[in-house]
Amino acid sequence: MSEIDRVRWHCRRGMLELDLVLSRFMDAVYGALAESDRVAFSKLLEYPDNDLWDLVSARAEPEDLDVFEILKQVRAVAPKRAAG
C-alpha cells in the first residue's frame, strides 16, 4: 500500500461529514504538500472523530501550531456549511 493510499484509508472516519471534508482535502491538496505538512496532517488524523470535527468546523482550535497550519488548509477546502 502506498503512502497516499495509507493516508486516504486513515481519512475514513465514522462521520460522513469528516469523510467528505478529508477526501476533498486529499483530492485537492495532499499531493502537493511538503513532507512537514504531511506529518502535521497525520497528527491531525490522530484526533478522535468528535474532536476532529470540532477542529474542522472551527468550534475548537488545536494547541499544536503545525496542526493549526494544516487545519487552515483543510478548512479552506471544506464546504462552507461544514466550517460553521
PDB file of N, CA and C in Angstrom:
ATOM      1  N   MET A   1       0.855  -1.176   0.000  1.00  0.00           N
ATOM      2  CA  MET A   1       0.000   0.000   0.000  1.00  0.00           C
ATOM      3  C   MET A   1       0.898   1.235   0.000  1.00  0.00           C
ATOM      4  N   SER A   2       0.627   2.160  -0.886  1.00  0.00           N
ATOM      5  CA  SER A   2       1.424   3.382  -0.966  1.00  0.00           C
ATOM      6  C   SER A   2       1.093   4.316   0.202  1.00  0.00           C
ATOM      7  N   GLU A   3       1.950   5.311   0.386  1.00  0.00           N
ATOM      8  CA  GLU A   3       1.720   6.272   1.471  1.00  0.00           C
ATOM      9  C   GLU A   3       0.389   6.982   1.286  1.00  0.00           C
ATOM     10  N   ILE A   4       0.101   7.427   0.082  1.00  0.00           N
ATOM     11  CA  ILE A   4      -1.142   8.172  -0.142  1.00  0.00           C
ATOM     12  C   ILE A   4      -2.360   7.274   0.091  1.00  0.00           C
ATOM     13  N   ASP A   5      -2.264   5.991  -0.278  1.00  0.00           N
ATOM     14  CA  ASP A   5      -3.368   5.066  -0.014  1.00  0.00           C
ATOM     15  C   ASP A   5      -3.549   4.849   1.486  1.00  0.00           C
ATOM     16  N   ARG A   6      -2.438   4.759   2.208  1.00  0.00           N
ATOM     17  CA  ARG A   6      -2.497   4.579   3.659  1.00  0.00           C
ATOM     18  C   ARG A   6      -3.157   5.789   4.322  1.00  0.00           C
ATOM     19  N   VAL A   7      -2.767   6.982   3.908  1.00  0.00           N
ATOM     20  CA  VAL A   7      -3.345   8.204   4.486  1.00  0.00           C
ATOM     21  C   VAL A   7      -4.815   8.314   4.105  1.00  0.00           C
ATOM     22  N   ARG A   8      -5.124   8.024   2.848  1.00  0.00           N
ATOM     23  CA  ARG A   8      -6.529   8.075   2.412  1.00  0.00           C
ATOM     24  C   ARG A   8      -7.374   7.103   3.247  1.00  0.00           C
ATOM     25  N   TRP A   9      -6.849   5.914   3.533  1.00  0.00           N
ATOM     26  CA  TRP A   9      -7.565   4.949   4.363  1.00  0.00           C
ATOM     27  C   TRP A   9      -7.767   5.504   5.775  1.00  0.00           C
ATOM     28  N   HIS A  10      -6.747   6.177   6.301  1.00  0.00           N
ATOM     29  CA  HIS A  10      -6.843   6.762   7.644  1.00  0.00           C
ATOM     30  C   HIS A  10      -7.852   7.915   7.688  1.00  0.00           C
ATOM     31  N   CYS A  11      -8.151   8.485   6.529  1.00  0.00           N
ATOM     32  CA  CYS A  11      -9.144   9.564   6.454  1.00  0.00           C
ATOM     33  C   CYS A  11     -10.573   9.032   6.560  1.00  0.00           C
ATOM     34  N   ARG A  12     -10.754   7.753   6.395  1.00  0.00           N
ATOM     35  CA  ARG A  12     -12.088   7.164   6.521  1.00  0.00           C
ATOM     36  C   ARG A  12     -12.487   7.191   7.988  1.00  0.00           C
ATOM     37  N   ARG A  13     -13.553   7.887   8.274  1.00  0.00           N
ATOM     38  CA  ARG A  13     -13.956   8.102   9.655  1.00  0.00           C
ATOM     39  C   ARG A  13     -15.356   7.572   9.894  1.00  0.00           C
ATOM     40  N   GLY A  14     -15.799   7.678  11.133  1.00  0.00           N
ATOM     41  CA  GLY A  14     -17.144   7.253  11.494  1.00  0.00           C
ATOM     42  C   GLY A  14     -18.200   8.312  11.223  1.00  0.00           C
ATOM     43  N   MET A  15     -17.771   9.480  10.780  1.00  0.00           N
ATOM     44  CA  MET A  15     -18.700  10.579  10.491  1.00  0.00           C
ATOM     45  C   MET A  15     -18.641  10.887   9.001  1.00  0.00           C
ATOM     46  N   LEU A  16     -19.787  10.856   8.344  1.00  0.00           N
ATOM     47  CA  LEU A  16     -19.838  11.152   6.918  1.00  0.00           C
ATOM     48  C   LEU A  16     -19.265  12.532   6.614  1.00  0.00           C
ATOM     49  N   GLU A  17     -19.553  13.498   7.468  1.00  0.00           N
ATOM     50  CA  GLU A  17     -19.075  14.861   7.245  1.00  0.00           C
ATOM     51  C   GLU A  17     -17.545  14.894   7.179  1.00  0.00           C
ATOM     52  N   LEU A  18     -16.903  14.189   8.096  1.00  0.00           N
ATOM     53  CA  LEU A  18     -15.441  14.136   8.084  1.00  0.00           C
ATOM     54  C   LEU A  18     -14.931  13.415   6.848  1.00  0.00           C
ATOM     55  N   ASP A  19     -15.577  12.315   6.473  1.00  0.00           N
ATOM     56  CA  ASP A  19     -15.180  11.606   5.257  1.00  0.00           C
ATOM     57  C   ASP A  19     -15.188  12.550   4.058  1.00  0.00           C
ATOM     58  N   LEU A  20     -16.223  13.338   3.951  1.00  0.00           N
ATOM     59  CA  LEU A  20     -16.351  14.252   2.808  1.00  0.00           C
ATOM     60  C   LEU A  20     -15.268  15.328   2.812  1.00  0.00           C
ATOM     61  N   VAL A  21     -15.059  15.947   3.951  1.00  0.00           N
ATOM     62  CA  VAL A  21     -14.059  17.007   4.053  1.00  0.00           C
ATOM     63  C   VAL A  21     -12.654  16.451   3.814  1.00  0.00           C
ATOM     64  N   LEU A  22     -12.338  15.354   4.458  1.00  0.00           N
ATOM     65  CA  LEU A  22     -10.994  14.807   4.343  1.00  0.00           C
ATOM     66  C   LEU A  22     -10.718  14.251   2.951  1.00  0.00           C
ATOM     67  N   SER A  23     -11.710  13.629   2.320  1.00  0.00           N
ATOM     68  CA  SER A  23     -11.476  13.144   0.960  1.00  0.00           C
ATOM     69  C   SER A  23     -11.330  14.306  -0.015  1.00  0.00           C
ATOM     70  N   ARG A  24     -12.059  15.378   0.202  1.00  0.00           N
ATOM     71  CA  ARG A  24     -11.899  16.565  -0.647  1.00  0.00           C
ATOM     72  C   ARG A  24     -10.488  17.141  -0.481  1.00  0.00           C
ATOM     73  N   PHE A  25     -10.012  17.187   0.745  1.00  0.00           N
ATOM     74  CA  PHE A  25      -8.661  17.676   1.009  1.00  0.00           C
ATOM     75  C   PHE A  25      -7.629  16.778   0.325  1.00  0.00           C
ATOM     76  N   MET A  26      -7.804  15.468   0.453  1.00  0.00           N
ATOM     77  CA  MET A  26      -6.865  14.531  -0.175  1.00  0.00           C
ATOM     78  C   MET A  26      -6.828  14.743  -1.684  1.00  0.00           C
ATOM     79  N   ASP A  27      -7.977  14.895  -2.297  1.00  0.00           N
ATOM     80  CA  ASP A  27      -8.044  15.063  -3.749  1.00  0.00           C
ATOM     81  C   ASP A  27      -7.464  16.395  -4.206  1.00  0.00           C
ATOM     82  N   ALA A  28      -7.711  17.450  -3.438  1.00  0.00           N
ATOM     83  CA  ALA A  28      -7.343  18.800  -3.884  1.00  0.00           C
ATOM     84  C   ALA A  28      -5.953  19.244  -3.451  1.00  0.00           C
ATOM     85  N   VAL A  29      -5.465  18.785  -2.305  1.00  0.00           N
ATOM     86  CA  VAL A  29      -4.288  19.412  -1.703  1.00  0.00           C
ATOM     87  C   VAL A  29      -3.164  18.437  -1.365  1.00  0.00           C
ATOM     88  N   TYR A  30      -3.497  17.279  -0.864  1.00  0.00           N
ATOM     89  CA  TYR A  30      -2.487  16.415  -0.250  1.00  0.00           C
ATOM     90  C   TYR A  30      -1.287  16.139  -1.149  1.00  0.00           C
ATOM     91  N   GLY A  31      -1.495  15.882  -2.408  1.00  0.00           N
ATOM     92  CA  GLY A  31      -0.402  15.546  -3.313  1.00  0.00           C
ATOM     93  C   GLY A  31       0.662  16.622  -3.434  1.00  0.00           C
ATOM     94  N   ALA A  32       0.299  17.861  -3.188  1.00  0.00           N
ATOM     95  CA  ALA A  32       1.237  18.974  -3.320  1.00  0.00           C
ATOM     96  C   ALA A  32       1.861  19.400  -1.992  1.00  0.00           C
ATOM     97  N   LEU A  33       1.529  18.718  -0.907  1.00  0.00           N
ATOM     98  CA  LEU A  33       2.043  19.121   0.409  1.00  0.00           C
ATOM     99  C   LEU A  33       3.524  18.794   0.574  1.00  0.00           C
ATOM    100  N   ALA A  34       4.203  19.645   1.309  1.00  0.00           N
ATOM    101  CA  ALA A  34       5.573  19.359   1.734  1.00  0.00           C
ATOM    102  C   ALA A  34       5.527  18.245   2.776  1.00  0.00           C
ATOM    103  N   GLU A  35       6.642  17.573   2.971  1.00  0.00           N
ATOM    104  CA  GLU A  35       6.704  16.467   3.930  1.00  0.00           C
ATOM    105  C   GLU A  35       6.300  16.918   5.335  1.00  0.00           C
ATOM    106  N   SER A  36       6.711  18.106   5.745  1.00  0.00           N
ATOM    107  CA  SER A  36       6.355  18.593   7.082  1.00  0.00           C
ATOM    108  C   SER A  36       4.839  18.772   7.219  1.00  0.00           C
ATOM    109  N   ASP A  37       4.184  19.208   6.159  1.00  0.00           N
ATOM    110  CA  ASP A  37       2.726  19.346   6.189  1.00  0.00           C
ATOM    111  C   ASP A  37       2.041  17.989   6.208  1.00  0.00           C
ATOM    112  N   ARG A  38       2.635  17.015   5.528  1.00  0.00           N
ATOM    113  CA  ARG A  38       2.075  15.660   5.560  1.00  0.00           C
ATOM    114  C   ARG A  38       2.159  15.077   6.975  1.00  0.00           C
ATOM    115  N   VAL A  39       3.255  15.346   7.649  1.00  0.00           N
ATOM    116  CA  VAL A  39       3.406  14.897   9.037  1.00  0.00           C
ATOM    117  C   VAL A  39       2.354  15.580   9.912  1.00  0.00           C
ATOM    118  N   ALA A  40       2.153  16.862   9.721  1.00  0.00           N
ATOM    119  CA  ALA A  40       1.151  17.597  10.501  1.00  0.00           C
ATOM    120  C   ALA A  40      -0.250  17.060  10.214  1.00  0.00           C
ATOM    121  N   PHE A  41      -0.524  16.725   8.965  1.00  0.00           N
ATOM    122  CA  PHE A  41      -1.833  16.164   8.615  1.00  0.00           C
ATOM    123  C   PHE A  41      -2.032  14.818   9.307  1.00  0.00           C
ATOM    124  N   SER A  42      -0.990  14.016   9.359  1.00  0.00           N
ATOM    125  CA  SER A  42      -1.073  12.733  10.066  1.00  0.00           C
ATOM    126  C   SER A  42      -1.371  12.943  11.548  1.00  0.00           C
ATOM    127  N   LYS A  43      -0.765  13.978  12.140  1.00  0.00           N
ATOM    128  CA  LYS A  43      -1.067  14.312  13.543  1.00  0.00           C
ATOM    129  C   LYS A  43      -2.533  14.691  13.693  1.00  0.00           C
ATOM    130  N   LEU A  44      -3.036  15.461  12.743  1.00  0.00           N
ATOM    131  CA  LEU A  44      -4.432  15.882  12.775  1.00  0.00           C
ATOM    132  C   LEU A  44      -5.355  14.661  12.732  1.00  0.00           C
ATOM    133  N   LEU A  45      -5.001  13.675  11.939  1.00  0.00           N
ATOM    134  CA  LEU A  45      -5.829  12.479  11.807  1.00  0.00           C
ATOM    135  C   LEU A  45      -5.826  11.617  13.062  1.00  0.00           C
ATOM    136  N   GLU A  46      -4.923  11.878  13.995  1.00  0.00           N
ATOM    137  CA  GLU A  46      -4.884  11.127  15.245  1.00  0.00           C
ATOM    138  C   GLU A  46      -5.987  11.550  16.213  1.00  0.00           C
ATOM    139  N   TYR A  47      -6.609  12.703  15.983  1.00  0.00           N
ATOM    140  CA  TYR A  47      -7.685  13.161  16.860  1.00  0.00           C
ATOM    141  C   TYR A  47      -8.902  12.244  16.709  1.00  0.00           C
ATOM    142  N   PRO A  48      -9.629  12.002  17.808  1.00  0.00           N
ATOM    143  CA  PRO A  48     -10.893  11.263  17.709  1.00  0.00           C
ATOM    144  C   PRO A  48     -11.884  12.037  16.830  1.00  0.00           C
ATOM    145  N   ASP A  49     -12.830  11.325  16.253  1.00  0.00           N
ATOM    146  CA  ASP A  49     -13.767  11.931  15.303  1.00  0.00           C
ATOM    147  C   ASP A  49     -14.439  13.201  15.823  1.00  0.00           C
ATOM    148  N   ASN A  50     -14.989  13.142  17.028  1.00  0.00           N
ATOM    149  CA  ASN A  50     -15.710  14.318  17.539  1.00  0.00           C
ATOM    150  C   ASN A  50     -14.788  15.513  17.726  1.00  0.00           C
ATOM    151  N   ASP A  51     -13.597  15.279  18.238  1.00  0.00           N
ATOM    152  CA  ASP A  51     -12.634  16.372  18.401  1.00  0.00           C
ATOM    153  C   ASP A  51     -12.185  16.899  17.049  1.00  0.00           C
ATOM    154  N   LEU A  52     -11.962  15.989  16.097  1.00  0.00           N
ATOM    155  CA  LEU A  52     -11.542  16.404  14.762  1.00  0.00           C
ATOM    156  C   LEU A  52     -12.636  17.236  14.089  1.00  0.00           C
ATOM    157  N   TRP A  53     -13.878  16.819  14.251  1.00  0.00           N
ATOM    158  CA  TRP A  53     -14.979  17.588  13.659  1.00  0.00           C
ATOM    159  C   TRP A  53     -15.053  18.981  14.283  1.00  0.00           C
ATOM    160  N   ASP A  54     -14.865  19.070  15.587  1.00  0.00           N
ATOM    161  CA  ASP A  54     -14.860  20.385  16.241  1.00  0.00           C
ATOM    162  C   ASP A  54     -13.747  21.266  15.673  1.00  0.00           C
ATOM    163  N   LEU A  55     -12.605  20.674  15.385  1.00  0.00           N
ATOM    164  CA  LEU A  55     -11.500  21.438  14.791  1.00  0.00           C
ATOM    165  C   LEU A  55     -11.832  21.865  13.364  1.00  0.00           C
ATOM    166  N   VAL A  56     -12.306  20.945  12.562  1.00  0.00           N
ATOM    167  CA  VAL A  56     -12.618  21.257  11.158  1.00  0.00           C
ATOM    168  C   VAL A  56     -13.722  22.308  11.069  1.00  0.00           C
ATOM    169  N   SER A  57     -14.695  22.211  11.949  1.00  0.00           N
ATOM    170  CA  SER A  57     -15.819  23.151  11.910  1.00  0.00           C
ATOM    171  C   SER A  57     -15.549  24.429  12.706  1.00  0.00           C
ATOM    172  N   ALA A  58     -14.317  24.605  13.157  1.00  0.00           N
ATOM    173  CA  ALA A  58     -13.873  25.819  13.858  1.00  0.00           C
ATOM    174  C   ALA A  58     -14.583  26.028  15.194  1.00  0.00           C
ATOM    175  N   ARG A  59     -15.034  24.965  15.808  1.00  0.00           N
ATOM    176  CA  ARG A  59     -15.596  25.052  17.157  1.00  0.00           C
ATOM    177  C   ARG A  59     -14.509  24.958  18.211  1.00  0.00           C
ATOM    178  N   ALA A  60     -13.333  24.513  17.773  1.00  0.00           N
ATOM    179  CA  ALA A  60     -12.177  24.382  18.661  1.00  0.00           C
ATOM    180  C   ALA A  60     -10.926  24.666  17.849  1.00  0.00           C
ATOM    181  N   GLU A  61      -9.844  24.951  18.552  1.00  0.00           N
ATOM    182  CA  GLU A  61      -8.552  25.206  17.914  1.00  0.00           C
ATOM    183  C   GLU A  61      -7.509  24.287  18.552  1.00  0.00           C
ATOM    184  N   PRO A  62      -6.602  23.746  17.756  1.00  0.00           N
ATOM    185  CA  PRO A  62      -5.563  22.883  18.324  1.00  0.00           C
ATOM    186  C   PRO A  62      -4.473  23.704  18.995  1.00  0.00           C
ATOM    187  N   GLU A  63      -3.809  23.102  19.961  1.00  0.00           N
ATOM    188  CA  GLU A  63      -2.693  23.774  20.618  1.00  0.00           C
ATOM    189  C   GLU A  63      -1.417  23.670  19.786  1.00  0.00           C
ATOM    190  N   ASP A  64      -1.279  22.610  19.008  1.00  0.00           N
ATOM    191  CA  ASP A  64      -0.096  22.361  18.185  1.00  0.00           C
ATOM    192  C   ASP A  64      -0.120  23.290  16.971  1.00  0.00           C
ATOM    193  N   LEU A  65       0.868  24.154  16.845  1.00  0.00           N
ATOM    194  CA  LEU A  65       0.919  25.128  15.758  1.00  0.00           C
ATOM    195  C   LEU A  65       0.991  24.466  14.389  1.00  0.00           C
ATOM    196  N   ASP A  66       1.726  23.360  14.276  1.00  0.00           N
ATOM    197  CA  ASP A  66       1.809  22.652  12.998  1.00  0.00           C
ATOM    198  C   ASP A  66       0.441  22.124  12.580  1.00  0.00           C
ATOM    199  N   VAL A  67      -0.294  21.583  13.524  1.00  0.00           N
ATOM    200  CA  VAL A  67      -1.634  21.088  13.240  1.00  0.00           C
ATOM    201  C   VAL A  67      -2.539  22.254  12.863  1.00  0.00           C
ATOM    202  N   PHE A  68      -2.384  23.375  13.534  1.00  0.00           N
ATOM    203  CA  PHE A  68      -3.206  24.544  13.208  1.00  0.00           C
ATOM    204  C   PHE A  68      -2.981  24.992  11.766  1.00  0.00           C
ATOM    205  N   GLU A  69      -1.738  24.985  11.320  1.00  0.00           N
ATOM    206  CA  GLU A  69      -1.431  25.419   9.952  1.00  0.00           C
ATOM    207  C   GLU A  69      -2.055  24.499   8.915  1.00  0.00           C
ATOM    208  N   ILE A  70      -1.972  23.193   9.113  1.00  0.00           N
ATOM    209  CA  ILE A  70      -2.576  22.263   8.150  1.00  0.00           C
ATOM    210  C   ILE A  70      -4.095  22.317   8.255  1.00  0.00           C
ATOM    211  N   LEU A  71      -4.605  22.549   9.453  1.00  0.00           N
ATOM    212  CA  LEU A  71      -6.045  22.655   9.649  1.00  0.00           C
ATOM    213  C   LEU A  71      -6.616  23.814   8.843  1.00  0.00           C
ATOM    214  N   LYS A  72      -5.893  24.909   8.738  1.00  0.00           N
ATOM    215  CA  LYS A  72      -6.360  26.040   7.923  1.00  0.00           C
ATOM    216  C   LYS A  72      -6.553  25.597   6.478  1.00  0.00           C
ATOM    217  N   GLN A  73      -5.671  24.749   5.984  1.00  0.00           N
ATOM    218  CA  GLN A  73      -5.798  24.260   4.609  1.00  0.00           C
ATOM    219  C   GLN A  73      -6.985  23.301   4.470  1.00  0.00           C
ATOM    220  N   VAL A  74      -7.196  22.479   5.485  1.00  0.00           N
ATOM    221  CA  VAL A  74      -8.352  21.574   5.464  1.00  0.00           C
ATOM    222  C   VAL A  74      -9.639  22.395   5.470  1.00  0.00           C
ATOM    223  N   ARG A  75      -9.705  23.389   6.325  1.00  0.00           N
ATOM    224  CA  ARG A  75     -10.894  24.245   6.398  1.00  0.00           C
ATOM    225  C   ARG A  75     -11.148  24.967   5.077  1.00  0.00           C
ATOM    226  N   ALA A  76     -10.088  25.324   4.368  1.00  0.00           N
ATOM    227  CA  ALA A  76     -10.226  26.065   3.106  1.00  0.00           C
ATOM    228  C   ALA A  76     -10.925  25.236   2.035  1.00  0.00           C
ATOM    229  N   VAL A  77     -10.804  23.915   2.093  1.00  0.00           N
ATOM    230  CA  VAL A  77     -11.466  23.077   1.088  1.00  0.00           C
ATOM    231  C   VAL A  77     -12.777  22.503   1.587  1.00  0.00           C
ATOM    232  N   ALA A  78     -13.100  22.728   2.865  1.00  0.00           N
ATOM    233  CA  ALA A  78     -14.338  22.210   3.438  1.00  0.00           C
ATOM    234  C   ALA A  78     -15.535  22.973   2.871  1.00  0.00           C
ATOM    235  N   PRO A  79     -16.642  22.279   2.661  1.00  0.00           N
ATOM    236  CA  PRO A  79     -17.856  23.003   2.254  1.00  0.00           C
ATOM    237  C   PRO A  79     -18.163  24.089   3.286  1.00  0.00           C
ATOM    238  N   LYS A  80     -18.669  25.184   2.848  1.00  0.00           N
ATOM    239  CA  LYS A  80     -18.893  26.331   3.735  1.00  0.00           C
ATOM    240  C   LYS A  80     -19.771  25.997   4.926  1.00  0.00           C
ATOM    241  N   ARG A  81     -20.760  25.165   4.770  1.00  0.00           N
ATOM    242  CA  ARG A  81     -21.606  24.851   5.922  1.00  0.00           C
ATOM    243  C   ARG A  81     -20.888  23.979   6.934  1.00  0.00           C
ATOM    244  N   ALA A  82     -19.842  23.247   6.511  1.00  0.00           N
ATOM    245  CA  ALA A  82     -19.067  22.437   7.455  1.00  0.00           C
ATOM    246  C   ALA A  82     -18.188  23.302   8.323  1.00  0.00           C
ATOM    247  N   ALA A  83     -17.813  24.464   7.832  1.00  0.00           N
ATOM    248  CA  ALA A  83     -16.895  25.329   8.568  1.00  0.00           C
ATOM    249  C   ALA A  83     -17.636  26.204   9.573  1.00  0.00           C
ATOM    250  N   GLY A  84     -18.902  26.053   9.737  1.00  0.00           N
ATOM    251  CA  GLY A  84     -19.575  26.937  10.672  1.00  0.00           C
ATOM    252  C   GLY A  84     -20.615  26.318  11.507  1.00  0.00           C
TER     253      GLY A  84
END
